[in-house]
Amino acid sequence: MSDGSSVKVTITYCAECGYEPQTLALTETLMKTFAHQLTAIELVPWYEGSFDVAVGGQLVHSMYRDGGFPDHSKVVDAVKAQLAKAS
């Protein structure tokens, strides 16, 4: 899977908290912005109030660390940086 240009985004969200709308909104932004450039967008239902976003294995937002939900532009910028490294 590592062909030098693969970037995967993982969104871990609290399913029991009802964070699906925020998860799907971020997923939609990523899909519209990057289309086929991402290898995968992985959605991981979790618990305990979590909402974490990792790009290429690097945590770019953690609800516990950063508070709240991420600004979509912050995640988009992290993906752009990861794509630039991968190319």
PDB file of N, CA and C in Angstrom:
ATOM      1  N   MET A   1       0.819  -1.200   0.000  1.00  0.00           N
ATOM      2  CA  MET A   1       0.000   0.000   0.000  1.00  0.00           C
ATOM      3  C   MET A   1       0.856   1.254   0.000  1.00  0.00           C
ATOM      4  N   SER A   2       2.084   1.152   0.442  1.00  0.00           N
ATOM      5  CA  SER A   2       2.951   2.319   0.494  1.00  0.00           C
ATOM      6  C   SER A   2       3.637   2.524  -0.846  1.00  0.00           C
ATOM      7  N   ASP A   3       3.001   3.276  -1.723  1.00  0.00           N
ATOM      8  CA  ASP A   3       3.575   3.528  -3.037  1.00  0.00           C
ATOM      9  C   ASP A   3       4.257   4.893  -3.083  1.00  0.00           C
ATOM     10  N   GLY A   4       4.452   5.496  -1.922  1.00  0.00           N
ATOM     11  CA  GLY A   4       5.119   6.780  -1.858  1.00  0.00           C
ATOM     12  C   GLY A   4       4.170   7.959  -1.923  1.00  0.00           C
ATOM     13  N   SER A   5       2.922   7.726  -2.314  1.00  0.00           N
ATOM     14  CA  SER A   5       1.988   8.840  -2.405  1.00  0.00           C
ATOM     15  C   SER A   5       0.672   8.534  -1.693  1.00  0.00           C
ATOM     16  N   SER A   6       0.691   7.568  -0.801  1.00  0.00           N
ATOM     17  CA  SER A   6      -0.546   7.196  -0.120  1.00  0.00           C
ATOM     18  C   SER A   6      -0.717   7.997   1.166  1.00  0.00           C
ATOM     19  N   VAL A   7      -1.876   8.599   1.304  1.00  0.00           N
ATOM     20  CA  VAL A   7      -2.211   9.338   2.515  1.00  0.00           C
ATOM     21  C   VAL A   7      -3.572   8.871   2.996  1.00  0.00           C
ATOM     22  N   LYS A   8      -3.605   8.435   4.253  1.00  0.00           N
ATOM     23  CA  LYS A   8      -4.843   7.953   4.856  1.00  0.00           C
ATOM     24  C   LYS A   8      -5.225   8.892   5.996  1.00  0.00           C
ATOM     25  N   VAL A   9      -6.497   9.230   6.064  1.00  0.00           N
ATOM     26  CA  VAL A   9      -7.018  10.042   7.162  1.00  0.00           C
ATOM     27  C   VAL A   9      -7.878   9.136   8.031  1.00  0.00           C
ATOM     28  N   THR A  10      -7.630   9.163   9.325  1.00  0.00           N
ATOM     29  CA  THR A  10      -8.414   8.378  10.275  1.00  0.00           C
ATOM     30  C   THR A  10      -9.133   9.333  11.219  1.00  0.00           C
ATOM     31  N   ILE A  11     -10.448   9.186  11.285  1.00  0.00           N
ATOM     32  CA  ILE A  11     -11.262   9.993  12.196  1.00  0.00           C
ATOM     33  C   ILE A  11     -11.848   9.043  13.238  1.00  0.00           C
ATOM     34  N   THR A  12     -11.441   9.231  14.474  1.00  0.00           N
ATOM     35  CA  THR A  12     -11.967   8.430  15.580  1.00  0.00           C
ATOM     36  C   THR A  12     -12.950   9.312  16.336  1.00  0.00           C
ATOM     37  N   TYR A  13     -14.188   8.875  16.390  1.00  0.00           N
ATOM     38  CA  TYR A  13     -15.227   9.718  16.973  1.00  0.00           C
ATOM     39  C   TYR A  13     -16.029   8.944  18.016  1.00  0.00           C
ATOM     40  N   CYS A  14     -16.626   9.686  18.934  1.00  0.00           N
ATOM     41  CA  CYS A  14     -17.456   9.082  19.983  1.00  0.00           C
ATOM     42  C   CYS A  14     -18.846   8.791  19.414  1.00  0.00           C
ATOM     43  N   ALA A  15     -19.101   7.510  19.158  1.00  0.00           N
ATOM     44  CA  ALA A  15     -20.402   7.105  18.602  1.00  0.00           C
ATOM     45  C   ALA A  15     -21.515   7.312  19.619  1.00  0.00           C
ATOM     46  N   GLU A  16     -21.233   7.012  20.878  1.00  0.00           N
ATOM     47  CA  GLU A  16     -22.271   7.149  21.901  1.00  0.00           C
ATOM     48  C   GLU A  16     -22.597   8.606  22.203  1.00  0.00           C
ATOM     49  N   CYS A  17     -21.723   9.532  21.774  1.00  0.00           N
ATOM     50  CA  CYS A  17     -21.960  10.964  22.002  1.00  0.00           C
ATOM     51  C   CYS A  17     -22.757  11.603  20.872  1.00  0.00           C
ATOM     52  N   GLY A  18     -22.943  10.872  19.785  1.00  0.00           N
ATOM     53  CA  GLY A  18     -23.672  11.431  18.647  1.00  0.00           C
ATOM     54  C   GLY A  18     -22.833  12.359  17.798  1.00  0.00           C
ATOM     55  N   TYR A  19     -21.531  12.059  17.657  1.00  0.00           N
ATOM     56  CA  TYR A  19     -20.632  12.915  16.877  1.00  0.00           C
ATOM     57  C   TYR A  19     -20.635  12.579  15.384  1.00  0.00           C
ATOM     58  N   GLU A  20     -21.591  11.767  14.935  1.00  0.00           N
ATOM     59  CA  GLU A  20     -21.639  11.412  13.518  1.00  0.00           C
ATOM     60  C   GLU A  20     -21.784  12.635  12.596  1.00  0.00           C
ATOM     61  N   PRO A  21     -22.618  13.631  12.930  1.00  0.00           N
ATOM     62  CA  PRO A  21     -22.735  14.781  12.016  1.00  0.00           C
ATOM     63  C   PRO A  21     -21.406  15.499  11.778  1.00  0.00           C
ATOM     64  N   GLN A  22     -20.617  15.696  12.842  1.00  0.00           N
ATOM     65  CA  GLN A  22     -19.319  16.355  12.702  1.00  0.00           C
ATOM     66  C   GLN A  22     -18.354  15.468  11.907  1.00  0.00           C
ATOM     67  N   THR A  23     -18.437  14.161  12.155  1.00  0.00           N
ATOM     68  CA  THR A  23     -17.575  13.211  11.450  1.00  0.00           C
ATOM     69  C   THR A  23     -17.884  13.224   9.958  1.00  0.00           C
ATOM     70  N   LEU A  24     -19.169  13.163   9.627  1.00  0.00           N
ATOM     71  CA  LEU A  24     -19.565  13.126   8.221  1.00  0.00           C
ATOM     72  C   LEU A  24     -19.301  14.457   7.519  1.00  0.00           C
ATOM     73  N   ALA A  25     -19.434  15.569   8.228  1.00  0.00           N
ATOM     74  CA  ALA A  25     -19.142  16.881   7.639  1.00  0.00           C
ATOM     75  C   ALA A  25     -17.659  16.990   7.282  1.00  0.00           C
ATOM     76  N   LEU A  26     -16.793  16.531   8.183  1.00  0.00           N
ATOM     77  CA  LEU A  26     -15.353  16.559   7.906  1.00  0.00           C
ATOM     78  C   LEU A  26     -15.011  15.595   6.769  1.00  0.00           C
ATOM     79  N   THR A  27     -15.621  14.426   6.777  1.00  0.00           N
ATOM     80  CA  THR A  27     -15.402  13.448   5.708  1.00  0.00           C
ATOM     81  C   THR A  27     -15.802  14.028   4.361  1.00  0.00           C
ATOM     82  N   GLU A  28     -16.954  14.705   4.317  1.00  0.00           N
ATOM     83  CA  GLU A  28     -17.419  15.324   3.067  1.00  0.00           C
ATOM     84  C   GLU A  28     -16.441  16.386   2.575  1.00  0.00           C
ATOM     85  N   THR A  29     -15.939  17.200   3.492  1.00  0.00           N
ATOM     86  CA  THR A  29     -14.956  18.224   3.124  1.00  0.00           C
ATOM     87  C   THR A  29     -13.720  17.574   2.512  1.00  0.00           C
ATOM     88  N   LEU A  30     -13.237  16.506   3.146  1.00  0.00           N
ATOM     89  CA  LEU A  30     -12.042  15.816   2.640  1.00  0.00           C
ATOM     90  C   LEU A  30     -12.307  15.187   1.268  1.00  0.00           C
ATOM     91  N   MET A  31     -13.475  14.575   1.111  1.00  0.00           N
ATOM     92  CA  MET A  31     -13.810  13.936  -0.166  1.00  0.00           C
ATOM     93  C   MET A  31     -13.905  14.973  -1.289  1.00  0.00           C
ATOM     94  N   LYS A  32     -14.525  16.103  -1.008  1.00  0.00           N
ATOM     95  CA  LYS A  32     -14.687  17.137  -2.029  1.00  0.00           C
ATOM     96  C   LYS A  32     -13.363  17.831  -2.339  1.00  0.00           C
ATOM     97  N   THR A  33     -12.515  17.985  -1.330  1.00  0.00           N
ATOM     98  CA  THR A  33     -11.250  18.692  -1.515  1.00  0.00           C
ATOM     99  C   THR A  33     -10.215  17.819  -2.219  1.00  0.00           C
ATOM    100  N   PHE A  34     -10.156  16.543  -1.856  1.00  0.00           N
ATOM    101  CA  PHE A  34      -9.066  15.695  -2.338  1.00  0.00           C
ATOM    102  C   PHE A  34      -9.486  14.600  -3.313  1.00  0.00           C
ATOM    103  N   ALA A  35     -10.783  14.374  -3.479  1.00  0.00           N
ATOM    104  CA  ALA A  35     -11.294  13.369  -4.432  1.00  0.00           C
ATOM    105  C   ALA A  35     -10.504  12.070  -4.350  1.00  0.00           C
ATOM    106  N   HIS A  36      -9.711  11.776  -5.375  1.00  0.00           N
ATOM    107  CA  HIS A  36      -8.982  10.506  -5.460  1.00  0.00           C
ATOM    108  C   HIS A  36      -7.574  10.569  -4.865  1.00  0.00           C
ATOM    109  N   GLN A  37      -7.159  11.689  -4.286  1.00  0.00           N
ATOM    110  CA  GLN A  37      -5.788  11.833  -3.796  1.00  0.00           C
ATOM    111  C   GLN A  37      -5.524  11.073  -2.498  1.00  0.00           C
ATOM    112  N   LEU A  38      -6.576  10.761  -1.756  1.00  0.00           N
ATOM    113  CA  LEU A  38      -6.397  10.040  -0.502  1.00  0.00           C
ATOM    114  C   LEU A  38      -6.506   8.542  -0.738  1.00  0.00           C
ATOM    115  N   THR A  39      -5.687   7.786  -0.026  1.00  0.00           N
ATOM    116  CA  THR A  39      -5.759   6.327  -0.102  1.00  0.00           C
ATOM    117  C   THR A  39      -7.021   5.838   0.588  1.00  0.00           C
ATOM    118  N   ALA A  40      -7.334   6.457   1.744  1.00  0.00           N
ATOM    119  CA  ALA A  40      -8.504   6.039   2.514  1.00  0.00           C
ATOM    120  C   ALA A  40      -8.899   7.122   3.494  1.00  0.00           C
ATOM    121  N   ILE A  41     -10.187   7.126   3.812  1.00  0.00           N
ATOM    122  CA  ILE A  41     -10.702   7.897   4.946  1.00  0.00           C
ATOM    123  C   ILE A  41     -11.343   6.858   5.850  1.00  0.00           C
ATOM    124  N   GLU A  42     -10.724   6.643   6.988  1.00  0.00           N
ATOM    125  CA  GLU A  42     -11.188   5.608   7.911  1.00  0.00           C
ATOM    126  C   GLU A  42     -11.983   6.253   9.039  1.00  0.00           C
ATOM    127  N   LEU A  43     -13.192   5.743   9.272  1.00  0.00           N
ATOM    128  CA  LEU A  43     -14.034   6.231  10.364  1.00  0.00           C
ATOM    129  C   LEU A  43     -14.071   5.159  11.439  1.00  0.00           C
ATOM    130  N   VAL A  44     -13.650   5.531  12.634  1.00  0.00           N
ATOM    131  CA  VAL A  44     -13.565   4.573  13.737  1.00  0.00           C
ATOM    132  C   VAL A  44     -14.521   4.997  14.849  1.00  0.00           C
ATOM    133  N   PRO A  45     -15.650   4.277  15.007  1.00  0.00           N
ATOM    134  CA  PRO A  45     -16.550   4.601  16.113  1.00  0.00           C
ATOM    135  C   PRO A  45     -15.894   4.230  17.429  1.00  0.00           C
ATOM    136  N   TRP A  46     -15.879   5.167  18.369  1.00  0.00           N
ATOM    137  CA  TRP A  46     -15.221   4.960  19.643  1.00  0.00           C
ATOM    138  C   TRP A  46     -16.148   5.438  20.739  1.00  0.00           C
ATOM    139  N   TYR A  47     -15.625   5.804  21.865  1.00  0.00           N
ATOM    140  CA  TYR A  47     -16.444   6.202  23.005  1.00  0.00           C
ATOM    141  C   TYR A  47     -15.672   7.214  23.845  1.00  0.00           C
ATOM    142  N   GLU A  48     -16.142   7.493  25.036  1.00  0.00           N
ATOM    143  CA  GLU A  48     -15.476   8.388  25.995  1.00  0.00           C
ATOM    144  C   GLU A  48     -15.266   9.810  25.478  1.00  0.00           C
ATOM    145  N   GLY A  49     -16.168  10.282  24.619  1.00  0.00           N
ATOM    146  CA  GLY A  49     -16.088  11.679  24.189  1.00  0.00           C
ATOM    147  C   GLY A  49     -14.957  11.999  23.239  1.00  0.00           C
ATOM    148  N   SER A  50     -14.429  10.999  22.560  1.00  0.00           N
ATOM    149  CA  SER A  50     -13.272  11.237  21.702  1.00  0.00           C
ATOM    150  C   SER A  50     -13.663  11.825  20.342  1.00  0.00           C
ATOM    151  N   PHE A  51     -12.768  12.620  19.794  1.00  0.00           N
ATOM    152  CA  PHE A  51     -12.839  13.052  18.400  1.00  0.00           C
ATOM    153  C   PHE A  51     -11.406  13.371  17.996  1.00  0.00           C
ATOM    154  N   ASP A  52     -10.763  12.390  17.380  1.00  0.00           N
ATOM    155  CA  ASP A  52      -9.366  12.520  16.986  1.00  0.00           C
ATOM    156  C   ASP A  52      -9.250  12.388  15.483  1.00  0.00           C
ATOM    157  N   VAL A  53      -8.335  13.152  14.905  1.00  0.00           N
ATOM    158  CA  VAL A  53      -8.089  13.078  13.473  1.00  0.00           C
ATOM    159  C   VAL A  53      -6.595  12.866  13.262  1.00  0.00           C
ATOM    160  N   ALA A  54      -6.267  11.795  12.543  1.00  0.00           N
ATOM    161  CA  ALA A  54      -4.868  11.509  12.208  1.00  0.00           C
ATOM    162  C   ALA A  54      -4.723  11.539  10.689  1.00  0.00           C
ATOM    163  N   VAL A  55      -3.636  12.133  10.243  1.00  0.00           N
ATOM    164  CA  VAL A  55      -3.314  12.199   8.827  1.00  0.00           C
ATOM    165  C   VAL A  55      -1.986  11.497   8.630  1.00  0.00           C
ATOM    166  N   GLY A  56      -2.005  10.416   7.860  1.00  0.00           N
ATOM    167  CA  GLY A  56      -0.775   9.660   7.645  1.00  0.00           C
ATOM    168  C   GLY A  56      -0.175   9.148   8.939  1.00  0.00           C
ATOM    169  N   GLY A  57      -1.037   8.814   9.892  1.00  0.00           N
ATOM    170  CA  GLY A  57      -0.569   8.286  11.174  1.00  0.00           C
ATOM    171  C   GLY A  57      -0.180   9.346  12.192  1.00  0.00           C
ATOM    172  N   GLN A  58      -0.203  10.612  11.801  1.00  0.00           N
ATOM    173  CA  GLN A  58       0.147  11.708  12.711  1.00  0.00           C
ATOM    174  C   GLN A  58      -1.127  12.365  13.240  1.00  0.00           C
ATOM    175  N   LEU A  59      -1.250  12.435  14.549  1.00  0.00           N
ATOM    176  CA  LEU A  59      -2.422  13.050  15.164  1.00  0.00           C
ATOM    177  C   LEU A  59      -2.395  14.558  14.910  1.00  0.00           C
ATOM    178  N   VAL A  60      -3.408  15.070  14.214  1.00  0.00           N
ATOM    179  CA  VAL A  60      -3.469  16.508  13.930  1.00  0.00           C
ATOM    180  C   VAL A  60      -4.516  17.219  14.782  1.00  0.00           C
ATOM    181  N   HIS A  61      -5.453  16.457  15.339  1.00  0.00           N
ATOM    182  CA  HIS A  61      -6.424  17.051  16.265  1.00  0.00           C
ATOM    183  C   HIS A  61      -6.871  15.986  17.252  1.00  0.00           C
ATOM    184  N   SER A  62      -6.911  16.377  18.507  1.00  0.00           N
ATOM    185  CA  SER A  62      -7.456  15.520  19.559  1.00  0.00           C
ATOM    186  C   SER A  62      -8.373  16.369  20.420  1.00  0.00           C
ATOM    187  N   MET A  63      -9.602  15.909  20.588  1.00  0.00           N
ATOM    188  CA  MET A  63     -10.548  16.650  21.409  1.00  0.00           C
ATOM    189  C   MET A  63     -10.007  16.810  22.830  1.00  0.00           C
ATOM    190  N   TYR A  64      -9.345  15.782  23.338  1.00  0.00           N
ATOM    191  CA  TYR A  64      -8.783  15.847  24.701  1.00  0.00           C
ATOM    192  C   TYR A  64      -7.661  16.876  24.776  1.00  0.00           C
ATOM    193  N   ARG A  65      -6.803  16.897  23.774  1.00  0.00           N
ATOM    194  CA  ARG A  65      -5.642  17.786  23.776  1.00  0.00           C
ATOM    195  C   ARG A  65      -6.008  19.204  23.363  1.00  0.00           C
ATOM    196  N   ASP A  66      -6.795  19.329  22.275  1.00  0.00           N
ATOM    197  CA  ASP A  66      -7.047  20.630  21.665  1.00  0.00           C
ATOM    198  C   ASP A  66      -8.406  21.224  22.005  1.00  0.00           C
ATOM    199  N   GLY A  67      -9.321  20.369  22.472  1.00  0.00           N
ATOM    200  CA  GLY A  67     -10.663  20.828  22.800  1.00  0.00           C
ATOM    201  C   GLY A  67     -11.534  20.965  21.564  1.00  0.00           C
ATOM    202  N   GLY A  68     -12.788  20.629  21.698  1.00  0.00           N
ATOM    203  CA  GLY A  68     -13.754  20.805  20.613  1.00  0.00           C
ATOM    204  C   GLY A  68     -13.460  20.002  19.365  1.00  0.00           C
ATOM    205  N   PHE A  69     -14.104  20.433  18.298  1.00  0.00           N
ATOM    206  CA  PHE A  69     -13.932  19.786  17.005  1.00  0.00           C
ATOM    207  C   PHE A  69     -12.922  20.581  16.191  1.00  0.00           C
ATOM    208  N   PRO A  70     -12.226  19.915  15.276  1.00  0.00           N
ATOM    209  CA  PRO A  70     -11.207  20.635  14.508  1.00  0.00           C
ATOM    210  C   PRO A  70     -11.817  21.556  13.469  1.00  0.00           C
ATOM    211  N   ASP A  71     -11.111  22.641  13.188  1.00  0.00           N
ATOM    212  CA  ASP A  71     -11.445  23.488  12.064  1.00  0.00           C
ATOM    213  C   ASP A  71     -11.099  22.678  10.810  1.00  0.00           C
ATOM    214  N   HIS A  72     -12.019  22.569   9.881  1.00  0.00           N
ATOM    215  CA  HIS A  72     -11.780  21.752   8.689  1.00  0.00           C
ATOM    216  C   HIS A  72     -10.531  22.187   7.941  1.00  0.00           C
ATOM    217  N   SER A  73     -10.267  23.498   7.919  1.00  0.00           N
ATOM    218  CA  SER A  73      -9.093  23.990   7.187  1.00  0.00           C
ATOM    219  C   SER A  73      -7.797  23.476   7.816  1.00  0.00           C
ATOM    220  N   LYS A  74      -7.782  23.275   9.121  1.00  0.00           N
ATOM    221  CA  LYS A  74      -6.598  22.735   9.798  1.00  0.00           C
ATOM    222  C   LYS A  74      -6.313  21.316   9.310  1.00  0.00           C
ATOM    223  N   VAL A  75      -7.353  20.517   9.165  1.00  0.00           N
ATOM    224  CA  VAL A  75      -7.196  19.142   8.694  1.00  0.00           C
ATOM    225  C   VAL A  75      -6.811  19.138   7.216  1.00  0.00           C
ATOM    226  N   VAL A  76      -7.441  19.976   6.411  1.00  0.00           N
ATOM    227  CA  VAL A  76      -7.116  20.078   4.986  1.00  0.00           C
ATOM    228  C   VAL A  76      -5.647  20.464   4.810  1.00  0.00           C
ATOM    229  N   ASP A  77      -5.167  21.433   5.586  1.00  0.00           N
ATOM    230  CA  ASP A  77      -3.766  21.848   5.503  1.00  0.00           C
ATOM    231  C   ASP A  77      -2.822  20.704   5.880  1.00  0.00           C
ATOM    232  N   ALA A  78      -3.199  19.925   6.891  1.00  0.00           N
ATOM    233  CA  ALA A  78      -2.374  18.785   7.309  1.00  0.00           C
ATOM    234  C   ALA A  78      -2.308  17.732   6.203  1.00  0.00           C
ATOM    235  N   VAL A  79      -3.429  17.509   5.519  1.00  0.00           N
ATOM    236  CA  VAL A  79      -3.450  16.547   4.410  1.00  0.00           C
ATOM    237  C   VAL A  79      -2.587  17.070   3.265  1.00  0.00           C
ATOM    238  N   LYS A  80      -2.703  18.353   2.944  1.00  0.00           N
ATOM    239  CA  LYS A  80      -1.892  18.943   1.870  1.00  0.00           C
ATOM    240  C   LYS A  80      -0.405  18.785   2.173  1.00  0.00           C
ATOM    241  N   ALA A  81      -0.030  19.021   3.417  1.00  0.00           N
ATOM    242  CA  ALA A  81       1.380  18.881   3.821  1.00  0.00           C
ATOM    243  C   ALA A  81       1.833  17.434   3.679  1.00  0.00           C
ATOM    244  N   GLN A  82       0.985  16.497   4.072  1.00  0.00           N
ATOM    245  CA  GLN A  82       1.322  15.069   3.983  1.00  0.00           C
ATOM    246  C   GLN A  82       1.426  14.645   2.508  1.00  0.00           C
ATOM    247  N   LEU A  83       0.534  15.139   1.664  1.00  0.00           N
ATOM    248  CA  LEU A  83       0.586  14.817   0.236  1.00  0.00           C
ATOM    249  C   LEU A  83       1.872  15.374  -0.402  1.00  0.00           C
ATOM    250  N   ALA A  84       2.270  16.566   0.030  1.00  0.00           N
ATOM    251  CA  ALA A  84       3.485  17.173  -0.504  1.00  0.00           C
ATOM    252  C   ALA A  84       4.711  16.331  -0.129  1.00  0.00           C
ATOM    253  N   LYS A  85       4.714  15.806   1.104  1.00  0.00           N
ATOM    254  CA  LYS A  85       5.821  14.945   1.556  1.00  0.00           C
ATOM    255  C   LYS A  85       5.838  13.636   0.785  1.00  0.00           C
ATOM    256  N   ALA A  86       4.653  13.122   0.484  1.00  0.00           N
ATOM    257  CA  ALA A  86       4.540  11.808  -0.147  1.00  0.00           C
ATOM    258  C   ALA A  86       4.885  11.823  -1.630  1.00  0.00           C
ATOM    259  N   SER A  87       4.788  12.993  -2.248  1.00  0.00           N
ATOM    260  CA  SER A  87       5.011  13.026  -3.705  1.00  0.00           C
ATOM    261  C   SER A  87       6.468  13.166  -4.074  1.00  0.00           C
TER     262      SER A  87
END
